[in-house]
Amino acid sequence: MLSEALKQSLHFFGPFYLYLGFGAVVFMLTLLILPISKNTIGDQKPDSSWFSRVAMLFSTGMGPSLLLRAVQEPGYYFIHPHKTSIYSPEILSFAYTFFHWGLTPWAFYGLFGLIIAWKKTDSDFSISSYFDKYNFPKYLKTGIDTTVIACTVVGIVASLGLGSRQISGGLAFLNGNKTIGLTYSIGILLALISVGTLSAMSGLRKSIKNLSNFNIGLMLFFMVFVLIQSPILEVIVNLFSGLKLYLTDFVSMSLNLGKPKIPETFLLDWTYFYWAFWLAWVPFTGIFIARISQGRSIRQYILGTLFIPAIGTFFWFTAFGNLLFSEHHLHLLTSAYYDSIYTSIFRFLNELPLGKILSPLSLVLAITFLVTSIDSGIFVLSMFSNKNSEPNHRHRLFWGIFLGILTTILLVIGGETLLQYVSQLLILFAIPFSILYFIMIFLFIKDLFKKKLLSNG
């Protein structure tokens, strides 16, 4: 029943998601070239370096998923081309991977974070506080906050479900493909949540930032190591060829225009699903971005939130994809060796020189990425409930315990299947939030015109 509801919701709201995503990108690019981009967000000084800020963006917004999909997604597009093209399957695969992980998801996150950061005049980052000046009734604002908190909770639990399955898959692969039992799965989850809670208790300036820096440092190591396994000229050619196709076809890809159009089956399984997934994560990730962006100009904000993370993902997928399409790995790809999103990265790295070291090290990265998502989520939930940009430890501890209990109950009752249903439930939460998001964008534009910030700066 839930799967059918998910399919029907994506079928109905999918086109709306496409236009919302395209509009978010266009609006962010427009703001970048207007005089308003010189304005500073908030009245605080930046409390983190550029590197740390980008590290926290990646770790919170996409890190675990980038590791999950690094091999499986480009490989799937190569094996199952979804449209005819004058470009090779490799370039088409790169272009659509860039599309799903590039400008649009970061525009979803970034625009929402900008709206929240721009309106902020105090420490209250709750979504309902954005509507204070519009005289929304109290019950409606309470409903907004409840929906956002529920969406964030489901998002973190869904992330835990996906992440724990990848970690279990990695442990099983490293242990001779022996299945990880329920007791061990519960132990893994509770350990992850415990570490994530302790990290959230330490705050942004300590554990969250330092752990994010570690994640990106290790991620860069993997990317460079994989890059040097391929001819550098070939990597550069494929990167720019994929980017060329992505950028020249960005409008048609974003709105599904032109001939031939992408079949709806592909949109339902990939683009609609991704856009709904990113939207469902927007409240959590967007608020976190707003929190760490105080003191920067809008231009710096857009460059650091839209372009730098997108470029990073382009390099990441090119590094793994280019080597994946080499003769040795292509043979393994066509024989379904890399089909599972939960084990593909471990299998892939195991085939490389020093693979016996790289595979366990990638498991460490999967764990630390997941911990960073958990601690960021706990921190944002605490900001909501405590209505403070530096929530007290009681709220952080409460949300850590609550998430631990909830996830354990779901795992005991329904196992990993129920956690997968939670991921589907997350997509359904994208529906009310996407409508709320659209209203907020409209009010934000109206407010900027009212202040003449879009007309004459």
Protein backbone atom coordinates (compact mmCIF):
# COMPACT_ATOMS: atom_id res chain seq x y z
CA MET A 1 0.00 0.00 0.00
CA LEU A 2 2.78 2.44 0.93
CA SER A 3 4.69 1.63 -2.26
CA GLU A 4 1.60 2.33 -4.35
CA ALA A 5 0.95 5.59 -2.51
CA LEU A 6 4.56 6.58 -3.17
CA LYS A 7 4.23 5.79 -6.87
CA GLN A 8 0.99 7.73 -7.22
CA SER A 9 2.33 10.75 -5.33
CA LEU A 10 5.44 10.89 -7.50
CA HIS A 11 3.32 10.53 -10.64
CA PHE A 12 1.10 13.44 -9.58
CA PHE A 13 3.64 15.78 -7.97
CA GLY A 14 6.67 14.84 -10.08
CA PRO A 15 6.21 17.59 -12.69
CA PHE A 16 5.76 20.14 -9.89
CA TYR A 17 9.04 18.97 -8.35
CA LEU A 18 10.78 19.44 -11.72
CA TYR A 19 9.60 23.03 -12.08
CA LEU A 20 10.35 23.81 -8.43
CA GLY A 21 13.89 22.49 -8.79
CA PHE A 22 14.53 24.37 -12.04
CA GLY A 23 13.09 27.55 -10.53
CA ALA A 24 15.34 27.21 -7.46
CA VAL A 25 18.45 27.00 -9.66
CA VAL A 26 17.40 29.97 -11.82
CA PHE A 27 16.55 32.09 -8.77
CA MET A 28 19.88 31.35 -7.07
CA LEU A 29 21.79 32.23 -10.26
CA THR A 30 19.76 35.43 -10.61
CA LEU A 31 20.53 36.49 -7.04
CA LEU A 32 24.22 35.89 -7.71
CA ILE A 33 24.42 38.61 -10.40
CA LEU A 34 22.20 41.19 -8.67
CA PRO A 35 23.49 43.92 -6.31
CA ILE A 36 21.71 42.18 -3.42
CA SER A 37 24.44 39.54 -3.51
CA LYS A 38 26.76 42.00 -1.75
CA ASN A 39 24.52 42.04 1.34
CA THR A 40 25.70 40.13 4.40
CA ILE A 41 23.62 37.43 6.06
CA GLY A 42 23.07 38.15 9.74
CA ASP A 43 25.20 40.30 12.00
CA GLN A 44 27.64 37.66 13.24
CA LYS A 45 31.13 36.88 12.04
CA PRO A 46 31.68 33.53 10.26
CA ASP A 47 32.51 30.89 12.86
CA SER A 48 34.16 28.42 10.48
CA SER A 49 36.62 28.41 7.59
CA TRP A 50 35.58 27.85 3.97
CA PHE A 51 36.94 24.32 4.06
CA SER A 52 35.09 23.44 7.27
CA ARG A 53 31.86 24.96 5.99
CA VAL A 54 31.99 22.96 2.74
CA ALA A 55 32.96 19.87 4.74
CA MET A 56 29.89 20.27 6.97
CA LEU A 57 27.70 20.85 3.89
CA PHE A 58 28.86 17.61 2.28
CA SER A 59 28.73 15.58 5.47
CA THR A 60 25.23 16.75 6.32
CA GLY A 61 23.61 17.00 2.90
CA MET A 62 25.03 14.21 0.76
CA GLY A 63 28.09 12.50 2.20
CA PRO A 64 26.64 9.08 3.05
CA SER A 65 24.68 8.94 -0.22
CA LEU A 66 27.70 9.89 -2.34
CA LEU A 67 29.53 6.90 -0.92
CA LEU A 68 26.46 4.72 -1.43
CA ARG A 69 25.97 5.64 -5.09
CA ALA A 70 29.56 6.30 -6.27
CA VAL A 71 29.75 3.10 -8.31
CA GLN A 72 26.21 1.77 -8.55
CA GLU A 73 24.49 4.76 -10.16
CA PRO A 74 26.86 5.50 -13.07
CA GLY A 75 27.02 1.76 -13.68
CA TYR A 76 23.24 1.43 -13.80
CA TYR A 77 22.87 4.21 -16.36
CA PHE A 78 25.58 2.61 -18.49
CA ILE A 79 23.93 -0.82 -18.46
CA HIS A 80 20.38 0.56 -18.80
CA PRO A 81 20.48 3.62 -21.10
CA HIS A 82 17.18 5.47 -20.74
CA LYS A 83 17.21 7.31 -24.06
CA THR A 84 18.92 7.34 -27.42
CA SER A 85 21.75 9.82 -27.77
CA ILE A 86 24.59 10.79 -30.08
CA TYR A 87 26.81 10.60 -27.01
CA SER A 88 28.44 7.41 -25.77
CA PRO A 89 26.82 5.52 -22.88
CA GLU A 90 29.66 6.67 -20.62
CA ILE A 91 29.07 10.37 -21.28
CA LEU A 92 25.29 9.98 -21.01
CA SER A 93 25.81 8.20 -17.69
CA PHE A 94 28.01 11.02 -16.38
CA ALA A 95 25.56 13.72 -17.51
CA TYR A 96 22.57 12.20 -15.71
CA THR A 97 24.57 11.44 -12.60
CA PHE A 98 25.67 15.09 -12.58
CA PHE A 99 22.05 16.12 -13.09
CA HIS A 100 20.76 14.16 -10.10
CA TRP A 101 23.58 15.23 -7.78
CA GLY A 102 24.54 18.66 -9.08
CA LEU A 103 23.01 22.12 -9.12
CA THR A 104 19.37 21.24 -8.44
CA PRO A 105 19.68 19.44 -5.08
CA TRP A 106 22.10 22.06 -3.80
CA ALA A 107 19.73 24.79 -5.00
CA PHE A 108 16.92 23.10 -3.04
CA TYR A 109 19.07 23.14 0.08
CA GLY A 110 20.71 26.50 -0.49
CA LEU A 111 17.64 28.57 -1.33
CA PHE A 112 15.78 27.33 1.72
CA GLY A 113 18.77 28.02 3.93
CA LEU A 114 19.06 31.52 2.45
CA ILE A 115 15.40 32.26 3.10
CA ILE A 116 15.72 31.21 6.74
CA ALA A 117 19.09 32.90 7.27
CA TRP A 118 17.90 36.15 5.65
CA LYS A 119 14.81 36.51 7.82
CA LYS A 120 16.61 35.61 11.04
CA THR A 121 16.74 38.46 13.52
CA ASP A 122 17.25 36.35 16.63
CA SER A 123 18.30 32.85 17.58
CA ASP A 124 14.98 31.23 16.61
CA PHE A 125 15.49 29.11 13.49
CA SER A 126 12.03 27.47 13.62
CA ILE A 127 10.19 27.47 10.30
CA SER A 128 7.03 28.97 11.80
CA SER A 129 8.92 32.05 12.98
CA TYR A 130 9.37 32.94 9.31
CA PHE A 131 5.63 33.59 9.14
CA ASP A 132 5.39 35.80 12.25
CA LYS A 133 5.12 39.01 10.23
CA TYR A 134 2.43 37.51 8.01
CA ASN A 135 0.01 36.96 10.92
CA PHE A 136 -0.47 33.25 10.34
CA PRO A 137 -2.81 31.76 12.98
CA LYS A 138 -1.08 29.98 15.86
CA TYR A 139 -2.55 26.56 15.05
CA LEU A 140 -1.18 26.79 11.50
CA LYS A 141 2.30 27.72 12.69
CA THR A 142 2.19 24.85 15.20
CA GLY A 143 1.21 22.51 12.36
CA ILE A 144 4.12 23.79 10.26
CA ASP A 145 6.66 23.17 13.02
CA THR A 146 5.20 19.74 13.79
CA THR A 147 5.36 18.73 10.12
CA VAL A 148 8.95 19.93 9.78
CA ILE A 149 10.07 18.14 12.96
CA ALA A 150 8.32 14.94 11.87
CA CYS A 151 9.92 15.21 8.43
CA THR A 152 13.34 15.69 10.00
CA VAL A 153 12.88 12.72 12.34
CA VAL A 154 11.76 10.46 9.50
CA GLY A 155 14.67 11.74 7.40
CA ILE A 156 17.24 10.86 10.05
CA VAL A 157 15.68 7.44 10.63
CA ALA A 158 15.63 6.82 6.87
CA SER A 159 19.29 7.83 6.68
CA LEU A 160 20.02 5.46 9.54
CA GLY A 161 18.21 2.71 7.69
CA LEU A 162 20.17 3.20 4.47
CA GLY A 163 23.45 3.82 6.25
CA SER A 164 23.19 0.88 8.60
CA ARG A 165 22.38 -1.41 5.68
CA GLN A 166 25.52 -0.21 3.90
CA ILE A 167 27.60 -0.74 7.03
CA SER A 168 26.08 -4.19 7.54
CA GLY A 169 26.77 -4.95 3.87
CA GLY A 170 30.36 -3.79 4.25
CA LEU A 171 30.89 -5.86 7.39
CA ALA A 172 29.37 -8.90 5.70
CA PHE A 173 31.59 -8.46 2.62
CA LEU A 174 34.73 -8.06 4.72
CA ASN A 175 33.66 -11.08 6.78
CA GLY A 176 33.35 -13.45 3.83
CA ASN A 177 29.75 -12.49 2.99
CA LYS A 178 28.44 -13.83 6.30
CA THR A 179 25.05 -12.34 7.17
CA ILE A 180 24.89 -9.83 10.02
CA GLY A 181 22.20 -10.89 12.50
CA LEU A 182 19.53 -8.73 14.16
CA THR A 183 21.45 -8.42 17.43
CA TYR A 184 24.52 -7.11 15.66
CA SER A 185 22.38 -4.75 13.55
CA ILE A 186 20.79 -3.28 16.68
CA GLY A 187 24.22 -2.97 18.26
CA ILE A 188 25.54 -1.10 15.21
CA LEU A 189 22.58 1.30 15.25
CA LEU A 190 22.81 2.04 18.96
CA ALA A 191 26.56 2.59 18.71
CA LEU A 192 26.10 5.01 15.81
CA ILE A 193 23.36 6.97 17.59
CA SER A 194 25.35 7.06 20.83
CA VAL A 195 28.41 8.47 19.10
CA GLY A 196 26.23 10.88 17.12
CA THR A 197 24.58 12.11 20.32
CA LEU A 198 27.91 12.64 22.05
CA SER A 199 29.11 14.57 19.00
CA ALA A 200 25.96 16.73 19.00
CA MET A 201 26.48 17.42 22.71
CA SER A 202 29.94 18.80 21.89
CA GLY A 203 28.45 21.24 19.40
CA LEU A 204 29.32 22.73 16.02
CA ARG A 205 32.73 24.12 16.82
CA LYS A 206 34.12 20.84 18.12
CA SER A 207 32.94 17.40 17.09
CA ILE A 208 30.63 18.23 14.17
CA LYS A 209 33.19 20.46 12.43
CA ASN A 210 36.18 18.23 13.18
CA LEU A 211 34.37 15.07 12.13
CA SER A 212 33.23 16.77 8.91
CA ASN A 213 36.81 17.83 8.17
CA PHE A 214 37.93 14.23 8.68
CA ASN A 215 35.19 12.98 6.34
CA ILE A 216 36.16 15.30 3.51
CA GLY A 217 39.86 14.64 3.99
CA LEU A 218 39.28 10.88 3.68
CA MET A 219 36.84 11.42 0.80
CA LEU A 220 39.47 13.44 -1.07
CA PHE A 221 42.00 10.68 -0.46
CA PHE A 222 39.70 8.08 -2.02
CA MET A 223 38.89 10.34 -4.97
CA VAL A 224 42.55 11.11 -5.73
CA PHE A 225 43.56 7.45 -5.31
CA VAL A 226 40.85 6.33 -7.74
CA LEU A 227 41.70 9.17 -10.15
CA ILE A 228 45.33 8.13 -10.51
CA GLN A 229 44.25 4.65 -11.57
CA SER A 230 42.98 6.11 -14.87
CA PRO A 231 44.75 8.05 -17.65
CA ILE A 232 44.43 11.67 -16.55
CA LEU A 233 43.69 12.95 -20.07
CA GLU A 234 40.82 10.47 -20.39
CA VAL A 235 39.41 11.61 -17.04
CA ILE A 236 39.55 15.28 -18.10
CA VAL A 237 37.89 14.57 -21.46
CA ASN A 238 35.07 12.57 -19.85
CA LEU A 239 34.55 15.16 -17.13
CA PHE A 240 34.18 18.03 -19.58
CA SER A 241 32.14 15.97 -22.06
CA GLY A 242 29.72 14.99 -19.30
CA LEU A 243 29.56 18.59 -18.08
CA LYS A 244 28.96 19.87 -21.60
CA LEU A 245 26.00 17.55 -22.10
CA TYR A 246 24.67 18.33 -18.62
CA LEU A 247 24.86 22.10 -19.02
CA THR A 248 23.68 22.33 -22.62
CA ASP A 249 20.72 20.05 -21.91
CA PHE A 250 20.07 21.37 -18.40
CA VAL A 251 16.73 23.02 -19.28
CA SER A 252 15.40 20.03 -21.21
CA MET A 253 16.63 17.60 -18.54
CA SER A 254 15.17 19.72 -15.73
CA LEU A 255 11.73 20.08 -17.33
CA ASN A 256 11.72 16.87 -19.41
CA LEU A 257 11.38 18.71 -22.70
CA GLY A 258 12.52 17.92 -26.21
CA LYS A 259 12.70 14.67 -28.14
CA PRO A 260 12.87 12.01 -27.06
CA LYS A 261 11.42 12.71 -23.64
CA ILE A 262 12.55 10.60 -20.73
CA PRO A 263 10.06 7.76 -20.06
CA GLU A 264 8.02 8.17 -16.90
CA THR A 265 9.32 4.87 -15.55
CA PHE A 266 12.80 6.39 -15.40
CA LEU A 267 11.48 9.60 -13.87
CA LEU A 268 9.58 7.69 -11.19
CA ASP A 269 12.56 5.52 -10.30
CA TRP A 270 15.18 8.24 -10.45
CA THR A 271 14.48 11.95 -11.06
CA TYR A 272 11.10 12.29 -9.32
CA PHE A 273 12.35 10.08 -6.51
CA TYR A 274 15.54 12.09 -6.06
CA TRP A 275 13.78 15.45 -6.19
CA ALA A 276 11.26 14.30 -3.56
CA PHE A 277 14.08 12.88 -1.44
CA TRP A 278 16.08 16.12 -1.59
CA LEU A 279 12.95 18.14 -0.75
CA ALA A 280 12.22 15.94 2.24
CA TRP A 281 15.76 16.60 3.49
CA VAL A 282 15.54 20.37 2.87
CA PRO A 283 14.18 21.38 6.34
CA PHE A 284 17.01 19.64 8.16
CA THR A 285 19.85 20.46 5.74
CA GLY A 286 18.62 23.96 4.90
CA ILE A 287 18.37 24.98 8.56
CA PHE A 288 21.83 23.59 9.21
CA ILE A 289 23.23 25.57 6.25
CA ALA A 290 21.52 28.72 7.55
CA ARG A 291 23.09 28.14 10.96
CA ILE A 292 26.66 27.86 9.62
CA SER A 293 26.38 30.69 7.07
CA GLN A 294 25.94 33.72 9.29
CA GLY A 295 28.37 36.54 8.51
CA ARG A 296 28.90 35.73 4.82
CA SER A 297 27.64 37.72 1.86
CA ILE A 298 24.88 36.28 -0.32
CA ARG A 299 27.40 35.95 -3.15
CA GLN A 300 29.76 33.97 -0.92
CA TYR A 301 26.81 31.93 0.30
CA ILE A 302 25.70 30.97 -3.22
CA LEU A 303 29.20 30.20 -4.42
CA GLY A 304 29.85 28.06 -1.34
CA THR A 305 26.47 26.33 -1.29
CA LEU A 306 25.61 25.89 -4.97
CA PHE A 307 28.79 25.74 -7.04
CA ILE A 308 31.56 24.33 -4.85
CA PRO A 309 29.57 21.28 -3.62
CA ALA A 310 28.24 20.61 -7.15
CA ILE A 311 31.74 20.75 -8.65
CA GLY A 312 32.95 18.41 -5.92
CA THR A 313 30.28 15.84 -6.82
CA PHE A 314 31.20 16.11 -10.52
CA PHE A 315 34.81 15.19 -9.75
CA TRP A 316 33.73 12.44 -7.36
CA PHE A 317 31.51 10.62 -9.84
CA THR A 318 33.94 11.15 -12.73
CA ALA A 319 36.77 9.56 -10.74
CA PHE A 320 34.77 6.44 -9.88
CA GLY A 321 32.81 6.27 -13.13
CA ASN A 322 35.82 6.57 -15.41
CA LEU A 323 37.60 3.68 -13.71
CA LEU A 324 34.35 1.71 -13.57
CA PHE A 325 34.12 1.86 -17.37
CA SER A 326 37.62 0.46 -17.85
CA GLU A 327 37.96 -3.06 -19.23
CA HIS A 328 38.43 -4.94 -15.95
CA HIS A 329 35.67 -3.23 -14.00
CA LEU A 330 33.31 -3.15 -16.98
CA HIS A 331 33.42 -6.92 -17.08
CA LEU A 332 32.46 -7.05 -13.41
CA LEU A 333 29.78 -4.41 -13.98
CA THR A 334 28.08 -6.39 -16.75
CA SER A 335 28.17 -9.52 -14.60
CA ALA A 336 26.11 -7.78 -11.86
CA TYR A 337 29.04 -7.72 -9.41
CA TYR A 338 28.35 -4.06 -8.59
CA ASP A 339 24.55 -4.16 -8.59
CA SER A 340 23.98 -3.67 -4.85
CA ILE A 341 24.16 -0.10 -3.59
CA TYR A 342 25.09 -1.45 -0.16
CA THR A 343 28.21 -3.38 -1.19
CA SER A 344 29.26 -1.93 -4.57
CA ILE A 345 31.75 0.57 -3.15
CA PHE A 346 33.45 -2.11 -1.02
CA ARG A 347 33.64 -4.55 -3.93
CA PHE A 348 34.97 -1.83 -6.25
CA LEU A 349 37.73 -0.68 -3.90
CA ASN A 350 38.66 -4.27 -3.13
CA GLU A 351 39.57 -4.71 -6.81
CA LEU A 352 42.12 -1.88 -6.67
CA PRO A 353 45.73 -1.98 -5.53
CA LEU A 354 45.77 -1.94 -1.72
CA GLY A 355 42.14 -3.05 -1.87
CA LYS A 356 42.47 -5.01 1.37
CA ILE A 357 43.17 -1.71 3.09
CA LEU A 358 40.84 0.53 1.07
CA SER A 359 37.68 -1.51 1.66
CA PRO A 360 37.88 -1.41 5.48
CA LEU A 361 38.88 2.27 5.27
CA SER A 362 35.78 3.01 3.17
CA LEU A 363 33.72 1.34 5.89
CA VAL A 364 35.23 3.81 8.37
CA LEU A 365 34.18 6.66 6.07
CA ALA A 366 30.63 5.26 5.79
CA ILE A 367 30.44 5.17 9.60
CA THR A 368 31.81 8.68 10.16
CA PHE A 369 29.58 10.14 7.42
CA LEU A 370 26.54 8.56 9.05
CA VAL A 371 27.57 9.79 12.50
CA THR A 372 27.88 13.32 11.08
CA SER A 373 24.37 13.13 9.63
CA ILE A 374 23.07 11.93 12.99
CA ASP A 375 24.80 14.60 15.07
CA SER A 376 23.75 17.36 12.65
CA GLY A 377 20.17 16.07 12.72
CA ILE A 378 20.10 15.97 16.51
CA PHE A 379 21.53 19.50 16.61
CA VAL A 380 18.87 20.83 14.20
CA LEU A 381 16.01 19.06 16.01
CA SER A 382 17.27 20.60 19.25
CA MET A 383 17.31 24.02 17.60
CA PHE A 384 13.65 23.49 16.66
CA SER A 385 12.50 22.33 20.09
CA ASN A 386 14.65 24.72 22.13
CA LYS A 387 14.13 27.62 19.67
CA ASN A 388 17.77 28.53 20.00
CA SER A 389 20.76 28.43 17.65
CA GLU A 390 22.78 26.93 20.53
CA PRO A 391 20.30 24.47 22.05
CA ASN A 392 20.94 23.23 25.57
CA HIS A 393 22.23 19.74 26.25
CA ARG A 394 18.91 18.45 27.58
CA HIS A 395 17.28 18.87 24.18
CA ARG A 396 20.23 17.28 22.38
CA LEU A 397 20.21 14.31 24.76
CA PHE A 398 16.43 13.92 24.43
CA TRP A 399 16.54 13.75 20.64
CA GLY A 400 19.47 11.33 20.70
CA ILE A 401 17.63 8.97 23.05
CA PHE A 402 14.37 9.36 21.14
CA LEU A 403 15.97 8.52 17.79
CA GLY A 404 17.75 5.55 19.32
CA ILE A 405 14.57 4.11 20.81
CA LEU A 406 12.46 4.77 17.70
CA THR A 407 14.97 3.22 15.29
CA THR A 408 15.50 0.19 17.52
CA ILE A 409 11.75 -0.44 17.80
CA LEU A 410 11.37 -0.21 14.02
CA LEU A 411 14.27 -2.61 13.48
CA VAL A 412 12.94 -5.14 16.02
CA ILE A 413 9.35 -5.02 14.74
CA GLY A 414 9.98 -5.05 11.02
CA GLY A 415 13.69 -5.46 10.47
CA GLU A 416 15.37 -3.70 7.58
CA THR A 417 12.17 -3.94 5.54
CA LEU A 418 10.38 -1.57 7.90
CA LEU A 419 13.31 0.84 7.81
CA GLN A 420 12.98 0.77 4.01
CA TYR A 421 9.29 1.69 4.40
CA VAL A 422 10.39 4.67 6.48
CA SER A 423 12.47 5.82 3.50
CA GLN A 424 9.33 5.65 1.38
CA LEU A 425 7.38 7.52 4.04
CA LEU A 426 10.00 10.26 3.86
CA ILE A 427 9.17 10.78 0.19
CA LEU A 428 5.50 11.30 1.08
CA PHE A 429 6.52 14.00 3.57
CA ALA A 430 8.00 15.90 0.63
CA ILE A 431 4.48 16.68 -0.64
CA PRO A 432 3.26 19.07 2.09
CA PHE A 433 6.72 20.49 2.54
CA SER A 434 7.18 21.24 -1.18
CA ILE A 435 3.96 23.28 -1.10
CA LEU A 436 5.14 25.13 2.02
CA TYR A 437 8.53 25.68 0.35
CA PHE A 438 6.86 27.18 -2.73
CA ILE A 439 4.89 29.59 -0.52
CA MET A 440 8.06 30.61 1.30
CA ILE A 441 9.87 31.30 -2.00
CA PHE A 442 6.95 33.42 -3.18
CA LEU A 443 6.90 35.43 0.08
CA PHE A 444 10.68 35.81 -0.03
CA ILE A 445 10.58 37.23 -3.57
CA LYS A 446 7.69 39.49 -2.60
CA ASP A 447 9.63 40.74 0.41
CA LEU A 448 12.73 41.46 -1.70
CA PHE A 449 10.67 43.42 -4.25
CA LYS A 450 8.98 45.31 -1.43
CA LYS A 451 12.38 46.36 -0.14
CA LYS A 452 13.46 47.09 -3.75
CA LEU A 453 16.38 44.69 -3.40
CA LEU A 454 15.56 42.94 -6.68
CA SER A 455 14.76 46.08 -8.64
CA ASN A 456 17.64 48.45 -7.91
CA GLY A 457 19.74 46.81 -5.19
